[in-house]
Amino acid sequence: MTTFHFEIATPERVVYSDDVESVTVPTVDGEITVLAHHLPLVTVLKAGELVIKKGNDVHPYAIGGGFLEMDGTKLTVLADTTEHISEIDEQRADEARKRAEELKGKAANDVEYAKISAKLERDLNRLRIVRKYRHRGHQGITQEGIRKE
């Protein structure tokens, strides 16, 4: 399969940079999969699961929203937050979700409520993704990827 260059960057670091076969991302208009020679595209991403496929490996990430740009030869994701599922501590993510749910009921105004709601959405996303892979028997998840079955 034909490959193209893909890069994920956050304000803190470049998270991933390599040639890949496909990338599936959650956009505000729905999930899309980008392949080599995709038409140029700029779109807004929402919190969700980003999946990179390279050879027989699958690399799942939790992203917290951002932007995607495909120029025809290179795909770039500028994400607010990005974590490979091997970096997510399920217990800590669940505790963060519980704290956000408690705070949501105590929000003093609409702005605070919106901020807490966005954080809750990111925490729920992280939990959903880590549970999806770890509870399917993928206990040894590494940054090198999960082998397709």
Protein backbone atom coordinates (compact mmCIF):
# COMPACT_ATOMS: atom_id res chain seq x y z
CA MET A 1 0.00 0.00 0.00
CA THR A 2 1.18 3.53 -0.76
CA THR A 3 2.38 5.61 2.17
CA PHE A 4 2.47 9.30 3.00
CA HIS A 5 4.12 11.36 5.72
CA PHE A 6 2.09 11.99 8.86
CA GLU A 7 2.81 14.13 11.89
CA ILE A 8 0.95 14.83 15.15
CA ALA A 9 2.03 17.91 17.09
CA THR A 10 0.77 19.43 20.33
CA PRO A 11 1.83 22.74 21.88
CA GLU A 12 4.39 20.78 23.95
CA ARG A 13 5.94 18.36 21.46
CA VAL A 14 5.87 16.44 18.21
CA VAL A 15 4.06 13.26 19.25
CA TYR A 16 4.43 11.21 16.07
CA SER A 17 6.25 11.63 12.76
CA ASP A 18 6.56 8.81 10.21
CA ASP A 19 5.35 7.45 6.88
CA VAL A 20 2.00 5.66 7.27
CA GLU A 21 -0.65 3.92 5.16
CA SER A 22 -3.76 5.52 6.67
CA VAL A 23 -4.97 7.76 9.48
CA THR A 24 -8.52 7.79 10.84
CA VAL A 25 -9.58 10.90 12.77
CA PRO A 26 -12.72 12.29 14.43
CA THR A 27 -13.78 15.53 12.74
CA VAL A 28 -16.65 17.77 13.78
CA ASP A 29 -18.49 16.46 10.70
CA GLY A 30 -17.80 12.77 11.39
CA GLU A 31 -14.95 10.29 11.24
CA ILE A 32 -12.72 10.28 8.15
CA THR A 33 -9.86 8.11 6.96
CA VAL A 34 -7.04 9.75 5.03
CA LEU A 35 -5.01 7.71 2.54
CA ALA A 36 -2.08 8.63 0.29
CA HIS A 37 -2.92 11.19 -2.43
CA HIS A 38 -5.97 12.46 -0.55
CA LEU A 39 -7.28 15.76 -1.83
CA PRO A 40 -6.03 18.82 0.04
CA LEU A 41 -8.13 19.32 3.16
CA VAL A 42 -8.28 21.46 6.28
CA THR A 43 -10.77 20.53 9.01
CA VAL A 44 -11.49 20.86 12.71
CA LEU A 45 -11.04 17.79 14.91
CA LYS A 46 -13.07 16.91 17.98
CA ALA A 47 -12.09 14.80 20.97
CA GLY A 48 -11.95 11.16 19.96
CA GLU A 49 -9.81 8.29 18.74
CA LEU A 50 -7.08 8.81 16.15
CA VAL A 51 -5.85 5.54 14.59
CA ILE A 52 -2.68 5.23 12.53
CA LYS A 53 -2.16 2.15 10.35
CA LYS A 54 1.32 1.24 9.20
CA GLY A 55 2.00 -2.22 7.81
CA ASN A 56 0.50 -4.75 10.22
CA ASP A 57 0.55 -2.32 13.15
CA VAL A 58 -2.22 -0.13 14.54
CA HIS A 59 -1.33 2.92 16.66
CA PRO A 60 -4.33 4.26 18.66
CA TYR A 61 -4.25 7.72 20.25
CA ALA A 62 -6.72 9.75 22.28
CA ILE A 63 -6.90 13.31 20.99
CA GLY A 64 -8.59 16.27 22.61
CA GLY A 65 -9.50 18.18 19.46
CA GLY A 66 -7.48 20.36 17.13
CA PHE A 67 -6.95 20.81 13.40
CA LEU A 68 -5.99 18.60 10.45
CA GLU A 69 -4.27 19.69 7.25
CA MET A 70 -3.64 17.44 4.25
CA ASP A 71 -1.68 19.07 1.43
CA GLY A 72 -1.80 16.02 -0.86
CA THR A 73 1.53 14.54 0.24
CA LYS A 74 1.75 15.25 3.99
CA LEU A 75 -0.88 15.04 6.71
CA THR A 76 -0.47 17.19 9.81
CA VAL A 77 -2.59 17.08 12.96
CA LEU A 78 -2.22 20.00 15.37
CA ALA A 79 -3.89 18.67 18.51
CA ASP A 80 -4.81 20.32 21.77
CA THR A 81 -3.81 17.11 23.58
CA THR A 82 -2.68 13.72 22.33
CA GLU A 83 -1.89 10.53 24.22
CA HIS A 84 -0.96 7.10 22.94
CA ILE A 85 -3.05 4.58 24.82
CA SER A 86 0.10 3.17 26.43
CA GLU A 87 0.44 6.57 28.18
CA ILE A 88 -3.07 6.57 29.67
CA ASP A 89 -3.45 5.41 33.25
CA GLU A 90 -6.99 4.03 33.31
CA GLN A 91 -7.46 4.51 37.06
CA ARG A 92 -6.25 8.13 37.00
CA ALA A 93 -8.44 8.88 33.96
CA ASP A 94 -11.47 7.45 35.77
CA GLU A 95 -10.70 9.55 38.87
CA ALA A 96 -10.39 12.67 36.68
CA ARG A 97 -13.76 11.85 35.10
CA LYS A 98 -15.39 11.53 38.53
CA ARG A 99 -13.91 14.86 39.69
CA ALA A 100 -15.13 16.60 36.51
CA GLU A 101 -18.64 15.19 36.97
CA GLU A 102 -18.71 16.50 40.56
CA LEU A 103 -17.45 19.94 39.51
CA LYS A 104 -19.95 20.16 36.65
CA GLY A 105 -22.81 20.30 39.16
CA LYS A 106 -21.07 23.08 41.09
CA ALA A 107 -20.25 25.36 38.13
CA ALA A 108 -20.82 29.01 39.04
CA ASN A 109 -21.54 30.26 35.50
CA ASP A 110 -21.92 29.17 31.86
CA VAL A 111 -18.23 29.66 31.03
CA GLU A 112 -17.10 27.49 33.93
CA TYR A 113 -19.73 24.89 33.04
CA ALA A 114 -18.50 24.79 29.42
CA LYS A 115 -14.85 24.37 30.50
CA ILE A 116 -15.73 21.54 32.88
CA SER A 117 -17.93 19.90 30.23
CA ALA A 118 -15.07 19.99 27.70
CA LYS A 119 -12.70 18.44 30.25
CA LEU A 120 -15.26 15.76 31.07
CA GLU A 121 -15.61 14.97 27.36
CA ARG A 122 -11.81 14.55 27.04
CA ASP A 123 -11.66 12.33 30.15
CA LEU A 124 -14.52 10.14 28.92
CA ASN A 125 -12.79 9.88 25.54
CA ARG A 126 -9.52 8.73 27.14
CA LEU A 127 -11.35 6.12 29.22
CA ARG A 128 -13.36 4.82 26.25
CA ILE A 129 -10.27 4.39 24.10
CA VAL A 130 -8.02 2.78 26.72
CA ARG A 131 -10.80 0.37 27.70
CA LYS A 132 -11.51 -0.48 24.08
CA TYR A 133 -7.99 -1.81 23.55
CA ARG A 134 -6.98 -3.06 26.99
CA HIS A 135 -10.18 -4.99 27.52
CA ARG A 136 -9.79 -6.79 24.21
CA GLY A 137 -6.73 -8.57 25.51
CA HIS A 138 -4.20 -5.97 24.30
CA GLN A 139 -2.44 -5.75 27.67
CA GLY A 140 1.05 -5.29 26.18
CA ILE A 141 0.27 -2.08 24.32
CA THR A 142 3.36 -0.11 23.36
CA GLN A 143 4.09 2.93 21.21
CA GLU A 144 5.33 0.50 18.57
CA GLY A 145 1.73 -0.45 17.90
CA ILE A 146 -0.76 -3.25 18.15
CA ARG A 147 -0.55 -6.06 15.61
CA LYS A 148 -3.65 -6.48 13.44
CA GLU A 149 -5.21 -9.88 13.90
